[in-house]
Protein backbone atom coordinates (compact mmCIF):
# COMPACT_ATOMS: atom_id res chain seq x y z
CA MET A 1 -20.04 -16.52 27.77
CA PHE A 2 -18.31 -13.74 25.81
CA LYS A 3 -19.72 -10.20 25.90
CA VAL A 4 -19.50 -8.01 22.79
CA LEU A 5 -20.25 -4.28 22.84
CA VAL A 6 -21.34 -2.64 19.57
CA SER A 7 -20.81 1.09 20.16
CA ASP A 8 -21.61 2.44 16.66
CA PRO A 9 -24.59 1.94 14.33
CA ILE A 10 -23.81 -1.35 12.56
CA SER A 11 -26.24 -3.42 10.48
CA ASP A 12 -28.07 -6.04 12.58
CA MET A 13 -28.01 -8.35 9.56
CA GLY A 14 -24.24 -7.95 9.41
CA ILE A 15 -23.73 -9.03 13.01
CA GLN A 16 -26.43 -11.70 13.02
CA MET A 17 -23.85 -14.46 13.52
CA LEU A 18 -22.91 -12.86 16.83
CA TYR A 19 -26.56 -12.84 17.92
CA ASP A 20 -26.87 -16.48 16.88
CA ALA A 21 -23.73 -17.64 18.69
CA ALA A 22 -24.59 -19.57 21.85
CA ASP A 23 -21.44 -18.38 23.61
CA VAL A 24 -21.85 -14.66 22.85
CA GLU A 25 -23.96 -11.90 24.39
CA VAL A 26 -24.29 -8.78 22.21
CA VAL A 27 -25.07 -5.33 23.62
CA LYS A 28 -25.70 -2.39 21.24
CA GLN A 29 -25.20 1.04 22.77
CA SER A 30 -24.11 3.88 20.47
CA GLY A 31 -23.36 7.53 21.13
CA LEU A 32 -21.31 6.88 24.27
CA SER A 33 -18.74 9.43 25.43
CA GLU A 34 -15.22 8.38 26.35
CA ASP A 35 -16.06 8.51 30.06
CA GLU A 36 -19.22 6.46 29.54
CA LEU A 37 -17.29 3.83 27.60
CA ILE A 38 -14.58 3.70 30.26
CA ALA A 39 -17.24 3.08 32.90
CA ILE A 40 -18.64 -0.04 31.20
CA ILE A 41 -15.92 -1.47 28.92
CA GLY A 42 -14.43 -3.59 31.71
CA GLU A 43 -17.32 -6.07 31.30
CA TYR A 44 -16.64 -6.81 27.63
CA ASP A 45 -14.40 -9.22 25.72
CA ALA A 46 -14.84 -7.49 22.35
CA LEU A 47 -15.70 -4.04 21.01
CA LEU A 48 -17.19 -3.41 17.55
CA VAL A 49 -17.02 0.10 16.05
CA ARG A 50 -17.25 1.96 12.79
CA SER A 51 -15.80 5.49 12.58
CA GLN A 52 -17.85 7.27 15.24
CA THR A 53 -16.28 5.79 18.39
CA LYS A 54 -12.74 6.95 19.17
CA VAL A 55 -11.07 4.01 20.89
CA THR A 56 -8.43 5.69 23.04
CA GLU A 57 -5.70 4.33 25.28
CA LYS A 58 -7.79 5.22 28.34
CA ILE A 59 -10.68 3.10 27.06
CA MET A 60 -8.37 0.16 26.38
CA ASN A 61 -6.72 0.44 29.79
CA ALA A 62 -10.17 0.22 31.33
CA GLY A 63 -11.05 -2.76 29.13
CA THR A 64 -9.30 -5.32 31.29
CA LYS A 65 -11.08 -8.22 29.54
CA LEU A 66 -10.79 -6.87 25.98
CA LYS A 67 -9.32 -9.37 23.55
CA VAL A 68 -10.31 -7.79 20.25
CA ILE A 69 -11.52 -4.53 18.71
CA GLY A 70 -13.31 -4.92 15.38
CA ARG A 71 -13.64 -2.07 12.88
CA ALA A 72 -16.53 -2.63 10.45
CA GLY A 73 -14.67 -1.02 7.57
CA VAL A 74 -11.15 -0.50 6.28
CA GLY A 75 -9.64 2.52 8.03
CA VAL A 76 -8.60 2.28 11.70
CA ASP A 77 -7.65 5.91 12.29
CA ASN A 78 -10.11 6.08 15.18
CA ILE A 79 -8.31 3.29 17.09
CA ASP A 80 -5.04 3.78 18.98
CA LEU A 81 -3.14 0.87 17.45
CA GLU A 82 -0.01 1.37 19.54
CA ALA A 83 -2.00 1.27 22.76
CA ALA A 84 -3.87 -1.82 21.57
CA THR A 85 -0.62 -3.62 20.78
CA LYS A 86 0.84 -2.74 24.17
CA ARG A 87 -2.28 -4.11 25.86
CA GLY A 88 -2.24 -7.28 23.73
CA ILE A 89 -5.59 -6.38 22.13
CA ILE A 90 -5.99 -7.55 18.54
CA VAL A 91 -7.44 -4.95 16.16
CA ILE A 92 -9.14 -6.26 13.02
CA ASN A 93 -10.78 -4.61 10.04
CA ALA A 94 -12.69 -5.71 6.93
CA PRO A 95 -10.61 -4.84 3.86
CA ASP A 96 -12.55 -7.03 1.39
CA GLY A 97 -16.13 -6.02 2.14
CA ASN A 98 -16.27 -3.02 -0.19
CA THR A 99 -14.46 -4.58 -3.16
CA ILE A 100 -17.51 -5.09 -5.39
CA ALA A 101 -19.11 -1.80 -4.35
CA THR A 102 -16.03 0.18 -5.41
CA CYS A 103 -15.61 -1.89 -8.56
CA GLU A 104 -19.19 -1.26 -9.64
CA LEU A 105 -18.93 2.45 -8.86
CA THR A 106 -15.85 2.55 -11.08
CA PHE A 107 -17.86 1.13 -13.95
CA ALA A 108 -20.76 3.48 -13.27
CA MET A 109 -18.37 6.42 -13.39
CA MET A 110 -16.69 5.08 -16.54
CA MET A 111 -20.00 4.78 -18.36
CA ALA A 112 -21.19 8.14 -17.07
CA ALA A 113 -18.01 9.74 -18.40
CA ALA A 114 -18.30 7.89 -21.72
CA ARG A 115 -21.90 9.00 -22.32
CA MET A 116 -21.91 12.29 -20.34
CA ILE A 117 -24.98 11.13 -18.42
CA PRO A 118 -24.90 13.68 -15.55
CA GLN A 119 -24.41 16.56 -17.97
CA ALA A 120 -27.31 15.39 -20.16
CA TYR A 121 -29.50 14.89 -17.07
CA LYS A 122 -28.78 18.39 -15.83
CA LYS A 123 -29.84 19.96 -19.11
CA THR A 124 -32.93 17.80 -19.45
CA VAL A 125 -34.34 18.56 -15.99
CA GLY A 126 -33.48 22.19 -16.65
CA GLY A 127 -35.90 22.24 -19.55
CA GLU A 128 -33.44 21.83 -22.44
CA TRP A 129 -33.84 19.02 -25.00
CA ASP A 130 -30.21 18.81 -26.09
CA ARG A 131 -29.34 15.71 -28.13
CA LYS A 132 -25.82 16.83 -28.98
CA PHE A 133 -24.23 14.68 -26.28
CA ILE A 134 -22.29 12.27 -28.49
CA GLY A 135 -20.45 9.73 -26.38
CA VAL A 136 -18.26 6.71 -27.02
CA GLU A 137 -18.73 2.98 -26.54
CA LEU A 138 -16.62 0.86 -24.22
CA ARG A 139 -16.48 -2.02 -26.71
CA ASN A 140 -13.14 -2.33 -28.53
CA LYS A 141 -11.59 0.37 -26.32
CA THR A 142 -8.41 -0.07 -24.29
CA LEU A 143 -8.72 0.23 -20.53
CA GLY A 144 -5.60 0.90 -18.49
CA ILE A 145 -5.81 -0.24 -14.86
CA LEU A 146 -3.16 1.08 -12.47
CA GLY A 147 -3.21 -1.30 -9.52
CA MET A 148 -4.31 -4.92 -10.00
CA GLY A 149 -5.24 -5.84 -6.44
CA ARG A 150 -8.70 -6.92 -5.30
CA ILE A 151 -10.64 -4.03 -6.86
CA GLY A 152 -8.50 -3.64 -9.98
CA SER A 153 -8.83 -7.36 -10.72
CA GLU A 154 -12.62 -7.20 -10.43
CA VAL A 155 -12.71 -4.18 -12.76
CA ALA A 156 -10.61 -6.14 -15.27
CA LYS A 157 -13.08 -9.06 -15.25
CA ARG A 158 -16.00 -6.78 -16.06
CA ALA A 159 -14.07 -4.83 -18.67
CA LYS A 160 -13.38 -8.07 -20.57
CA VAL A 161 -17.12 -8.79 -20.63
CA PHE A 162 -17.68 -5.34 -22.14
CA GLY A 163 -15.31 -6.26 -24.94
CA MET A 164 -12.48 -4.03 -23.76
CA GLU A 165 -8.78 -4.72 -24.08
CA VAL A 166 -7.13 -4.39 -20.66
CA ILE A 167 -3.58 -3.28 -19.89
CA GLY A 168 -2.62 -3.57 -16.24
CA TYR A 169 0.16 -2.00 -14.21
CA ASP A 170 1.16 -3.44 -10.86
CA PRO A 171 4.73 -3.99 -9.61
CA PHE A 172 3.61 -7.29 -8.10
CA LEU A 173 1.53 -8.64 -10.97
CA THR A 174 3.35 -11.59 -12.55
CA GLU A 175 3.05 -12.42 -16.23
CA GLU A 176 1.45 -15.79 -15.39
CA ARG A 177 -1.30 -14.22 -13.27
CA ALA A 178 -1.88 -11.46 -15.84
CA GLU A 179 -2.22 -14.04 -18.61
CA LYS A 180 -4.80 -15.99 -16.61
CA MET A 181 -6.80 -12.78 -16.20
CA GLY A 182 -6.54 -11.91 -19.89
CA VAL A 183 -4.62 -8.76 -19.05
CA LYS A 184 -1.53 -7.40 -20.79
CA LEU A 185 1.21 -5.94 -18.61
CA GLY A 186 2.40 -2.39 -19.19
CA SER A 187 4.22 0.45 -17.51
CA VAL A 188 2.45 3.63 -16.39
CA ASN A 189 3.77 5.48 -19.44
CA GLU A 190 2.80 2.66 -21.81
CA ILE A 191 -0.73 2.74 -20.44
CA ALA A 192 -0.84 6.52 -20.74
CA ALA A 193 0.13 6.27 -24.41
CA LYS A 194 -2.23 3.43 -25.40
CA ALA A 195 -5.37 3.65 -23.24
CA ASP A 196 -8.75 5.12 -24.13
CA PHE A 197 -9.80 4.94 -20.47
CA ILE A 198 -7.61 4.85 -17.34
CA THR A 199 -8.77 3.88 -13.86
CA VAL A 200 -6.57 3.83 -10.75
CA HIS A 201 -6.78 1.32 -7.89
CA THR A 202 -3.53 1.72 -5.98
CA PRO A 203 -3.02 2.88 -2.41
CA LEU A 204 -1.79 6.43 -1.93
CA THR A 205 1.89 6.20 -1.01
CA PRO A 206 4.89 8.45 -1.72
CA GLU A 207 5.54 6.26 -4.78
CA THR A 208 1.97 6.54 -6.16
CA ARG A 209 1.32 10.20 -5.36
CA HIS A 210 0.76 11.95 -8.70
CA LEU A 211 1.40 8.67 -10.48
CA ILE A 212 -0.44 10.33 -13.35
CA ALA A 213 0.82 13.87 -13.78
CA LYS A 214 1.82 16.27 -16.56
CA PRO A 215 4.45 13.93 -18.15
CA GLN A 216 1.83 11.17 -18.49
CA PHE A 217 -0.86 13.52 -19.85
CA GLU A 218 1.59 14.63 -22.53
CA LEU A 219 1.81 11.00 -23.71
CA MET A 220 -1.95 10.48 -23.96
CA LYS A 221 -3.94 10.48 -27.17
CA PRO A 222 -6.79 13.00 -27.46
CA GLY A 223 -10.14 11.74 -26.21
CA ILE A 224 -8.96 9.73 -23.21
CA ARG A 225 -11.14 9.54 -20.10
CA ILE A 226 -9.81 9.26 -16.52
CA ILE A 227 -11.52 7.56 -13.55
CA ASN A 228 -10.48 7.73 -9.87
CA CYS A 229 -12.50 5.86 -7.25
CA ALA A 230 -9.42 4.94 -5.19
CA ARG A 231 -7.57 7.73 -3.37
CA GLY A 232 -7.25 11.44 -4.00
CA GLY A 233 -3.71 12.42 -4.93
CA ILE A 234 -2.88 9.49 -7.21
CA ILE A 235 -3.75 11.77 -10.13
CA ASP A 236 -2.45 15.35 -10.23
CA GLU A 237 -5.72 17.28 -10.20
CA LEU A 238 -4.35 20.56 -11.61
CA ALA A 239 -2.49 18.73 -14.37
CA LEU A 240 -5.74 16.93 -15.26
CA VAL A 241 -7.65 20.21 -15.58
CA GLU A 242 -4.89 21.56 -17.81
CA ALA A 243 -5.07 18.42 -19.98
CA ILE A 244 -8.85 18.87 -20.32
CA ASP A 245 -8.39 22.50 -21.37
CA GLN A 246 -5.81 21.40 -23.95
CA GLY A 247 -8.25 18.91 -25.48
CA ILE A 248 -6.26 15.84 -24.43
CA VAL A 249 -8.72 14.50 -21.84
CA ALA A 250 -12.33 14.29 -23.02
CA GLY A 251 -13.78 13.61 -19.58
CA ALA A 252 -13.04 12.55 -16.03
CA ALA A 253 -14.99 11.05 -13.13
CA PHE A 254 -13.71 11.34 -9.57
CA ASP A 255 -15.15 9.93 -6.35
CA VAL A 256 -12.14 11.14 -4.33
CA PHE A 257 -10.16 14.35 -3.90
CA GLU A 258 -6.70 15.24 -2.65
CA VAL A 259 -8.38 17.24 0.13
CA GLU A 260 -11.84 16.16 1.28
CA PRO A 261 -14.27 17.73 1.23
CA PRO A 262 -13.00 19.93 -1.63
CA THR A 263 -13.15 23.71 -1.34
CA LYS A 264 -15.96 25.51 -3.17
CA ASP A 265 -13.49 26.90 -5.70
CA HIS A 266 -12.01 23.51 -6.60
CA PRO A 267 -11.65 23.48 -10.42
CA PHE A 268 -13.39 20.11 -10.73
CA LEU A 269 -16.64 21.55 -9.40
CA SER A 270 -17.02 24.08 -12.18
CA ASN A 271 -15.63 22.01 -15.07
CA PRO A 272 -18.41 20.59 -17.27
CA LYS A 273 -16.22 17.65 -18.33
CA VAL A 274 -15.59 16.39 -14.80
CA ILE A 275 -18.09 14.21 -12.92
CA VAL A 276 -17.72 14.22 -9.13
CA THR A 277 -19.26 12.27 -6.24
CA PRO A 278 -18.61 12.55 -2.46
CA HIS A 279 -16.45 9.43 -1.78
CA LEU A 280 -19.21 6.86 -2.23
CA GLY A 281 -17.04 3.84 -3.05
CA ALA A 282 -18.23 1.72 -0.13
CA SER A 283 -21.70 3.22 0.14
CA THR A 284 -23.95 0.29 -0.70
CA ILE A 285 -26.26 -1.67 1.55
CA GLU A 286 -24.40 -4.84 0.65
CA ALA A 287 -20.96 -3.39 1.37
CA GLN A 288 -22.05 -2.11 4.77
CA GLU A 289 -23.45 -5.54 5.60
CA ASN A 290 -20.42 -7.34 4.21
CA VAL A 291 -17.92 -5.43 6.34
CA ALA A 292 -20.04 -6.17 9.42
CA ILE A 293 -20.23 -9.86 8.50
CA ASP A 294 -16.48 -10.05 7.90
CA VAL A 295 -15.55 -8.38 11.16
CA SER A 296 -18.11 -10.44 13.13
CA GLU A 297 -16.66 -13.67 11.80
CA GLU A 298 -13.14 -12.60 12.77
CA VAL A 299 -14.24 -11.56 16.25
CA LEU A 300 -15.74 -15.00 16.81
CA HIS A 301 -12.53 -16.69 15.67
CA ILE A 302 -10.44 -14.63 18.07
CA LEU A 303 -12.77 -15.08 21.04
CA ARG A 304 -12.75 -18.83 20.45
CA ASN A 305 -8.97 -18.91 19.99
CA GLU A 306 -9.28 -20.02 16.36
CA PRO A 307 -7.10 -18.94 13.39
CA PHE A 308 -7.93 -15.46 12.11
CA LYS A 309 -6.82 -12.91 9.51
CA ASN A 310 -7.17 -9.16 8.82
CA ALA A 311 -5.52 -8.10 12.06
CA VAL A 312 -3.85 -4.70 11.77
CA ASN A 313 -1.56 -4.97 14.77
CA MET A 314 0.62 -7.65 16.26
CA PRO A 315 -0.93 -10.43 18.32
CA PRO A 316 0.68 -11.37 21.64
CA VAL A 317 4.04 -13.12 21.35
CA PRO A 318 5.50 -15.24 24.21
CA ALA A 319 7.57 -12.96 26.42
CA ASP A 320 10.84 -14.87 26.02
CA VAL A 321 10.53 -14.89 22.22
CA LEU A 322 9.48 -11.23 22.10
CA ASN A 323 12.42 -10.14 24.26
CA LYS A 324 14.89 -11.82 21.91
CA LEU A 325 13.26 -10.78 18.63
CA GLN A 326 12.06 -7.26 19.37
CA PRO A 327 15.44 -5.57 18.76
CA TYR A 328 15.44 -7.11 15.27
CA PHE A 329 11.95 -6.05 14.18
CA SER A 330 13.02 -2.61 12.96
CA LEU A 331 16.13 -4.01 11.25
CA GLY A 332 14.10 -6.68 9.44
CA GLU A 333 11.50 -4.19 8.23
CA LYS A 334 14.22 -1.83 6.96
CA ILE A 335 16.01 -4.63 5.10
CA GLY A 336 12.70 -5.49 3.48
CA SER A 337 11.97 -1.83 2.69
CA VAL A 338 15.30 -1.37 0.90
CA LEU A 339 14.74 -4.53 -1.14
CA GLY A 340 11.21 -3.45 -1.98
CA GLN A 341 12.55 -0.14 -3.26
CA ILE A 342 15.40 -1.54 -5.38
CA ALA A 343 14.07 -4.84 -6.77
CA GLN A 344 12.69 -4.53 -10.29
CA GLY A 345 9.70 -6.62 -11.36
CA ALA A 346 7.08 -8.76 -9.67
CA VAL A 347 8.46 -10.64 -6.69
CA SER A 348 8.25 -14.42 -7.10
CA GLU A 349 10.31 -15.62 -4.12
CA ILE A 350 11.70 -14.31 -0.83
CA VAL A 351 14.50 -16.24 0.86
CA VAL A 352 15.34 -15.33 4.47
CA ASN A 353 18.39 -16.72 6.24
CA TYR A 354 18.94 -16.33 9.98
CA ALA A 355 22.39 -16.95 11.41
CA GLY A 356 24.07 -16.70 14.80
CA ASP A 357 21.92 -15.72 17.78
CA LEU A 358 18.72 -16.10 15.76
CA MET A 359 19.16 -19.79 14.93
CA ASP A 360 17.41 -21.26 17.96
CA VAL A 361 14.31 -19.07 18.27
CA ASP A 362 10.97 -19.00 16.44
CA THR A 363 11.64 -16.20 13.95
CA SER A 364 8.20 -16.20 12.29
CA PRO A 365 7.23 -12.82 13.81
CA LEU A 366 10.47 -11.32 12.44
CA THR A 367 9.82 -12.82 9.01
CA ARG A 368 6.50 -11.01 8.97
CA TYR A 369 8.26 -7.69 9.50
CA ILE A 370 10.64 -8.43 6.63
CA VAL A 371 7.80 -9.34 4.24
CA LYS A 372 5.83 -6.27 5.34
CA GLY A 373 8.85 -4.09 4.59
CA ILE A 374 9.22 -5.52 1.09
CA PHE A 375 5.63 -4.79 0.11
CA GLN A 376 4.74 -1.78 2.25
CA ASN A 377 5.23 0.80 -0.50
CA GLN A 378 2.88 -1.06 -2.84
CA LEU A 379 0.15 -2.51 -0.63
CA GLU A 380 -1.70 -0.01 1.52
CA SER A 381 -3.40 -2.59 3.73
CA ILE A 382 -0.36 -4.77 4.50
CA ASN A 383 0.66 -5.25 8.12
CA ILE A 384 2.64 -7.72 10.20
CA ILE A 385 -0.39 -9.96 10.63
CA ASN A 386 -1.55 -10.27 7.03
CA ALA A 387 1.85 -9.86 5.33
CA MET A 388 2.37 -13.60 4.75
CA HIS A 389 -1.20 -14.10 3.54
CA LEU A 390 -1.02 -11.20 1.08
CA ALA A 391 2.36 -12.31 -0.24
CA LYS A 392 1.26 -15.90 -0.77
CA SER A 393 -2.01 -14.80 -2.38
CA ARG A 394 0.14 -13.10 -5.01
CA GLY A 395 2.03 -16.30 -5.67
CA VAL A 396 5.16 -15.30 -3.72
CA ASN A 397 7.09 -18.28 -2.33
CA ILE A 398 8.65 -17.58 1.09
CA VAL A 399 11.61 -19.68 2.20
CA VAL A 400 13.14 -19.43 5.70
CA GLN A 401 16.56 -20.92 6.42
CA THR A 402 19.03 -20.98 9.30
CA SER A 403 22.79 -21.40 9.26
CA ASN A 404 25.70 -21.45 11.67
CA ALA A 405 27.92 -19.20 9.57
CA SER A 406 27.36 -15.50 10.14
CA ASN A 407 30.55 -14.02 8.64
CA SER A 408 32.04 -13.08 12.01
CA PHE A 409 28.81 -11.43 13.18
CA THR A 410 27.05 -12.67 16.31
CA ASN A 411 23.78 -12.27 14.39
CA LEU A 412 22.99 -11.87 10.71
CA VAL A 413 19.76 -11.50 8.74
CA THR A 414 20.15 -12.10 5.00
CA VAL A 415 17.23 -11.60 2.63
CA THR A 416 17.10 -12.34 -1.10
CA VAL A 417 14.24 -11.17 -3.30
CA LYS A 418 13.82 -12.95 -6.62
CA THR A 419 11.96 -11.56 -9.63
CA LYS A 420 11.97 -12.60 -13.27
CA GLN A 421 14.42 -9.80 -14.01
CA GLU A 422 16.89 -10.16 -11.17
CA GLU A 423 17.86 -11.23 -7.67
CA LYS A 424 18.67 -8.68 -4.99
CA THR A 425 20.24 -9.55 -1.64
CA LEU A 426 20.67 -7.52 1.54
CA ALA A 427 22.24 -8.52 4.85
CA GLY A 428 21.98 -6.68 8.14
CA THR A 429 23.06 -7.07 11.73
CA LEU A 430 22.77 -5.48 15.16
CA LEU A 431 26.13 -4.26 16.44
CA ALA A 432 26.55 -3.37 20.11
CA GLY A 433 27.03 0.37 20.36
CA PHE A 434 26.31 0.94 16.66
CA GLY A 435 22.73 -0.31 16.27
CA GLU A 436 21.21 -1.45 12.96
CA ARG A 437 23.76 -1.86 10.18
CA ILE A 438 23.47 -3.00 6.56
CA VAL A 439 26.61 -5.04 5.87
CA ARG A 440 26.02 -6.45 2.40
CA ILE A 441 24.26 -5.45 -0.81
CA ASP A 442 24.35 -8.25 -3.38
CA GLN A 443 27.99 -9.34 -3.61
CA TYR A 444 29.35 -6.09 -2.20
CA PRO A 445 30.46 -5.76 1.46
CA VAL A 446 29.32 -2.45 2.99
CA ASP A 447 28.68 -1.02 6.45
CA PHE A 448 26.17 1.78 6.96
CA ALA A 449 23.37 2.72 9.34
CA ALA A 450 19.91 1.60 8.27
CA GLU A 451 18.27 5.02 8.54
CA GLY A 452 17.54 8.29 6.80
CA ASN A 453 17.72 9.30 3.14
CA LEU A 454 20.06 7.17 1.07
CA LEU A 455 21.40 7.12 -2.47
CA LEU A 456 22.41 3.75 -3.91
CA ILE A 457 24.61 4.28 -6.95
CA SER A 458 25.76 1.40 -9.17
CA HIS A 459 28.80 2.30 -11.24
CA ASN A 460 31.97 1.09 -12.87
CA ASP A 461 35.06 1.30 -10.69
CA LYS A 462 36.88 4.15 -12.43
CA PRO A 463 38.91 7.06 -10.99
CA GLY A 464 37.07 10.32 -10.42
CA ILE A 465 33.51 9.04 -10.09
CA ILE A 466 33.27 9.71 -6.33
CA GLY A 467 34.52 13.26 -6.89
CA ARG A 468 32.00 13.93 -9.65
CA VAL A 469 29.13 12.64 -7.53
CA GLY A 470 30.18 14.76 -4.54
CA THR A 471 30.60 17.87 -6.68
CA LEU A 472 27.22 17.47 -8.37
CA LEU A 473 25.39 16.94 -5.08
CA GLY A 474 27.24 19.79 -3.37
CA SER A 475 26.49 22.22 -6.18
CA ASN A 476 22.79 21.39 -5.68
CA GLN A 477 22.93 21.93 -1.90
CA VAL A 478 22.60 18.22 -1.10
CA ASN A 479 24.90 17.50 1.83
CA ILE A 480 26.54 14.07 2.17
CA ALA A 481 26.55 12.75 5.74
CA THR A 482 28.27 9.41 5.11
CA MET A 483 29.65 7.48 2.16
CA GLN A 484 30.31 3.77 1.66
CA VAL A 485 31.80 2.12 -1.41
CA GLY A 486 31.91 -1.56 -2.25
CA ARG A 487 33.63 -3.51 -5.01
CA LYS A 488 34.84 -7.03 -5.67
CA VAL A 489 37.73 -6.36 -8.07
CA ILE A 490 39.63 -3.27 -9.19
CA GLY A 491 38.07 -1.76 -12.28
CA GLY A 492 34.96 -3.92 -12.13
CA SER A 493 31.41 -3.14 -11.08
CA ALA A 494 30.95 -1.27 -7.78
CA ILE A 495 28.36 0.44 -5.63
CA MET A 496 28.29 3.64 -3.63
CA VAL A 497 25.91 4.22 -0.70
CA LEU A 498 25.46 7.82 0.41
CA THR A 499 23.53 9.07 3.43
CA ILE A 500 22.26 12.56 2.62
CA ASP A 501 20.68 15.21 4.83
CA LYS A 502 17.62 15.72 2.65
CA THR A 503 15.84 14.06 -0.24
CA ALA A 504 17.66 14.69 -3.51
CA PRO A 505 15.46 16.43 -6.13
CA ALA A 506 14.44 14.35 -9.14
CA GLU A 507 16.41 16.55 -11.52
CA VAL A 508 19.59 15.94 -9.49
CA LEU A 509 19.04 12.17 -9.66
CA ALA A 510 18.52 12.44 -13.40
CA GLU A 511 21.76 14.40 -13.77
CA LEU A 512 23.64 11.79 -11.72
CA THR A 513 22.32 9.03 -13.98
CA LYS A 514 23.74 10.83 -17.04
CA GLN A 515 27.28 10.76 -15.66
CA ASP A 516 29.80 8.53 -17.47
CA GLU A 517 30.38 5.15 -15.80
CA ILE A 518 27.26 5.46 -13.60
CA VAL A 519 24.85 2.60 -14.32
CA ASN A 520 21.95 3.27 -11.97
CA VAL A 521 20.89 5.70 -9.21
CA ARG A 522 18.19 4.88 -6.69
CA ALA A 523 16.91 7.11 -3.90
CA LEU A 524 15.89 5.20 -0.76
CA THR A 525 14.07 6.31 2.37
CA LEU A 526 14.25 4.48 5.69
């Protein structure tokens, strides 16, 4: 008999399958302090929480029988993931349960912005009969969706029913999948220029922060409306207010803010063209039940030693395998991260080759780290447990190979990412005394530490280029720590890899790109 403790208020209907399970005893006891939880947690095999209970390392150390912690929701900030991993406790969440709730809120906000419903309501209940609220229809309008994951895809389906033309932006949306959905592909700037409505459904990452900012607002046609039910910070709030004042944006509807709750003087709160709600994306009865159902089902799978998904930390790995692979986890993730940052277009295939010491061991945990690294800047919810599932659900073919040849290295990890536009390859190794090294980029041999802020510069092999790059960076107070150059033939194509002490400003990167013989400049962070 397994014992499950539910320490936060969670819908009984959502956890009904746990009550019905013959091999499970459920105890609900909310409002417990850390000390109270420590005193009783040793009896339980599973713990279910929402956001109220803080699951600390002390609690997990006391939970000697704990196999799984379930979070009935998406975020796991209240759970010490590192401590759980060390203890071999699987942490799961429910990332799909609020998909429809957030999608429907997006449409509610879109229609409210189109018809100015809250503004008209406010005047009407205030005693004014003002019929001058002239809105627009959704039919025959162009909707731009930034982020075509679970929620963005559901929004696209409903937009088509409303008679809207949909343009989607997502680095990992293939043309084939877009065509099946009836969605045209476009860049952020193309969407900004063509759309009548824009809604965002990306995670908030360094790459998506202020994805829509002043340069994009300057491309927009007057009368556009902006919706954000995803994450605060994807849209530059001050730039949006400025675009409203300039008559570019006719209205906006935001369920999220860069800082929550917003301060009383936040410009959205006093702007009559901005509709705001207090982060209600997942606030439906159905969504709250769905996340509880999802997490209950996963808990049962884990307790019964059945296949499971949606884990946000690493499950236990046999000690002998873990000891051999663990030094490579960081290297694999960094190789993937670099490829994810430099590969252009939707990824269709990932080929991983292990050589040398890695030939005779189960490398599947390491492959997960590599795949996670490739997608981590685009997919907020990706982790080493669901990386393979998320990649395959996007039509990405993953091929794992082994070979004897390792180019004189005792170990070598080589990863190739294929898109419709190009193939990019990176190879890395662990060198005794030198740590993680990248030793190949495409056809170019290199040797640099896989860490810090990097500049990858593709150029033609001509005299003076290295000097010009160094001078330009130095004049902008960007210090070069290390430099690597790689070429195949004199005078042909070449690359330059620079480790710099701080992130290079965007204007410096733009100036580098303008230099003669320089083909491409990419800033990387490891």
